[in-house]
Amino acid sequence: MAPLLPLLPRCGGGEQKPDVKAMKDPFTEALYPEVTDHVHLCPSCATARFEES
């Protein structure tokens, strides 16, 4: 799997994973819904980011 790593998107947590998606930042969306920041997160990092808010 090492040859595919350069092609995989990098999560906000710093890891390259196949399930990383561009999404609205769950932290800022919960606190400030009018902000339209997009970040790259995997599901587990997105959940953790939302729980921080």
N, C-alpha and C. Protein backbone atom coordinates (compact mmCIF):
# COMPACT_ATOMS: atom_id res chain seq x y z
N MET A 1 0.82 -1.20 0.00
CA MET A 1 0.00 0.00 0.00
C MET A 1 0.86 1.26 0.00
N ALA A 2 2.10 1.16 0.26
CA ALA A 2 2.99 2.32 0.31
C ALA A 2 3.00 3.12 -0.99
N PRO A 3 2.95 2.49 -2.19
CA PRO A 3 2.96 3.30 -3.41
C PRO A 3 1.73 4.19 -3.57
N LEU A 4 0.61 3.86 -2.93
CA LEU A 4 -0.60 4.66 -3.07
C LEU A 4 -0.64 5.86 -2.13
N LEU A 5 0.21 5.91 -1.12
CA LEU A 5 0.16 6.98 -0.14
C LEU A 5 0.22 8.38 -0.74
N PRO A 6 1.04 8.65 -1.74
CA PRO A 6 1.04 10.01 -2.30
C PRO A 6 -0.29 10.39 -2.94
N LEU A 7 -1.12 9.42 -3.33
CA LEU A 7 -2.39 9.70 -3.98
C LEU A 7 -3.53 9.89 -2.98
N LEU A 8 -3.38 9.41 -1.76
CA LEU A 8 -4.43 9.53 -0.76
C LEU A 8 -4.46 10.93 -0.17
N PRO A 9 -5.66 11.46 0.06
CA PRO A 9 -5.74 12.79 0.68
C PRO A 9 -5.29 12.76 2.13
N ARG A 10 -4.75 13.87 2.60
CA ARG A 10 -4.25 13.98 3.96
C ARG A 10 -5.35 14.56 4.86
N CYS A 11 -5.60 13.85 5.96
CA CYS A 11 -6.60 14.27 6.93
C CYS A 11 -6.09 15.46 7.74
N GLY A 12 -7.00 16.20 8.33
CA GLY A 12 -6.62 17.31 9.20
C GLY A 12 -5.78 16.84 10.37
N GLY A 13 -5.90 15.57 10.74
CA GLY A 13 -5.09 14.99 11.81
C GLY A 13 -3.67 14.65 11.34
N GLY A 14 -3.40 14.78 10.05
CA GLY A 14 -2.06 14.57 9.52
C GLY A 14 -1.85 13.23 8.85
N GLU A 15 -2.80 12.31 8.94
CA GLU A 15 -2.64 10.99 8.34
C GLU A 15 -3.26 10.96 6.95
N GLN A 16 -2.71 10.11 6.09
CA GLN A 16 -3.28 9.91 4.76
C GLN A 16 -4.17 8.67 4.83
N LYS A 17 -5.46 8.84 4.50
CA LYS A 17 -6.43 7.76 4.58
C LYS A 17 -7.35 7.81 3.37
N PRO A 18 -7.91 6.66 3.00
CA PRO A 18 -8.80 6.65 1.83
C PRO A 18 -10.17 7.26 2.10
N ASP A 19 -10.57 7.40 3.36
CA ASP A 19 -11.91 7.92 3.66
C ASP A 19 -11.94 9.39 4.02
N VAL A 20 -10.90 10.15 3.67
CA VAL A 20 -10.83 11.59 3.94
C VAL A 20 -11.68 12.33 2.92
N LYS A 21 -12.51 13.25 3.42
CA LYS A 21 -13.38 14.04 2.54
C LYS A 21 -13.29 15.51 2.89
N ALA A 22 -13.50 16.35 1.89
CA ALA A 22 -13.60 17.79 2.14
C ALA A 22 -14.99 18.06 2.68
N MET A 23 -15.06 18.72 3.83
CA MET A 23 -16.35 19.01 4.46
C MET A 23 -16.26 20.31 5.22
N LYS A 24 -17.42 20.83 5.59
CA LYS A 24 -17.41 22.02 6.44
C LYS A 24 -16.77 21.63 7.77
N ASP A 25 -16.03 22.55 8.34
CA ASP A 25 -15.39 22.29 9.62
C ASP A 25 -16.47 22.12 10.70
N PRO A 26 -16.60 20.92 11.30
CA PRO A 26 -17.66 20.69 12.29
C PRO A 26 -17.56 21.61 13.50
N PHE A 27 -16.36 22.02 13.87
CA PHE A 27 -16.17 22.89 15.03
C PHE A 27 -16.74 24.27 14.76
N THR A 28 -16.31 24.89 13.66
CA THR A 28 -16.80 26.24 13.37
C THR A 28 -18.25 26.23 12.92
N GLU A 29 -18.70 25.16 12.27
CA GLU A 29 -20.09 25.09 11.84
C GLU A 29 -21.04 25.05 13.04
N ALA A 30 -20.63 24.35 14.11
CA ALA A 30 -21.47 24.27 15.31
C ALA A 30 -21.53 25.61 16.03
N LEU A 31 -20.42 26.32 16.05
CA LEU A 31 -20.37 27.59 16.78
C LEU A 31 -20.79 28.78 15.93
N TYR A 32 -20.41 28.77 14.67
CA TYR A 32 -20.68 29.89 13.77
C TYR A 32 -21.21 29.34 12.44
N PRO A 33 -22.50 29.04 12.32
CA PRO A 33 -23.05 28.41 11.11
C PRO A 33 -22.85 29.22 9.83
N GLU A 34 -22.64 30.53 9.95
CA GLU A 34 -22.47 31.35 8.75
C GLU A 34 -21.08 31.20 8.12
N VAL A 35 -20.12 30.65 8.84
CA VAL A 35 -18.76 30.46 8.32
C VAL A 35 -18.75 29.26 7.38
N THR A 36 -18.07 29.39 6.26
CA THR A 36 -18.07 28.31 5.28
C THR A 36 -16.68 27.71 5.08
N ASP A 37 -15.92 27.54 6.17
CA ASP A 37 -14.60 26.92 6.07
C ASP A 37 -14.75 25.45 5.69
N HIS A 38 -13.87 25.00 4.80
CA HIS A 38 -13.85 23.59 4.45
C HIS A 38 -12.49 23.02 4.85
N VAL A 39 -12.53 21.82 5.40
CA VAL A 39 -11.32 21.13 5.81
C VAL A 39 -11.39 19.71 5.30
N HIS A 40 -10.26 19.01 5.31
CA HIS A 40 -10.21 17.61 4.92
C HIS A 40 -10.12 16.78 6.19
N LEU A 41 -11.15 15.95 6.43
CA LEU A 41 -11.21 15.13 7.64
C LEU A 41 -11.70 13.73 7.33
N CYS A 42 -11.22 12.76 8.11
CA CYS A 42 -11.77 11.41 8.06
C CYS A 42 -12.93 11.37 9.06
N PRO A 43 -13.78 10.37 9.01
CA PRO A 43 -14.93 10.33 9.93
C PRO A 43 -14.57 10.41 11.41
N SER A 44 -13.52 9.73 11.83
CA SER A 44 -13.15 9.77 13.25
C SER A 44 -12.64 11.15 13.67
N CYS A 45 -11.88 11.83 12.82
CA CYS A 45 -11.40 13.17 13.13
C CYS A 45 -12.55 14.18 13.10
N ALA A 46 -13.52 13.98 12.18
CA ALA A 46 -14.67 14.88 12.12
C ALA A 46 -15.50 14.77 13.39
N THR A 47 -15.68 13.54 13.89
CA THR A 47 -16.42 13.34 15.13
C THR A 47 -15.71 13.99 16.30
N ALA A 48 -14.40 13.80 16.38
CA ALA A 48 -13.63 14.40 17.47
C ALA A 48 -13.67 15.92 17.39
N ARG A 49 -13.58 16.46 16.19
CA ARG A 49 -13.61 17.92 16.00
C ARG A 49 -14.98 18.49 16.43
N PHE A 50 -16.07 17.77 16.10
CA PHE A 50 -17.40 18.21 16.50
C PHE A 50 -17.55 18.16 18.02
N GLU A 51 -17.04 17.11 18.64
CA GLU A 51 -17.16 16.97 20.10
C GLU A 51 -16.37 18.05 20.84
N GLU A 52 -15.32 18.60 20.21
CA GLU A 52 -14.56 19.68 20.82
C GLU A 52 -15.40 20.95 20.94
N SER A 53 -16.35 21.11 20.02
CA SER A 53 -17.17 22.32 20.03
C SER A 53 -18.19 22.17 21.07
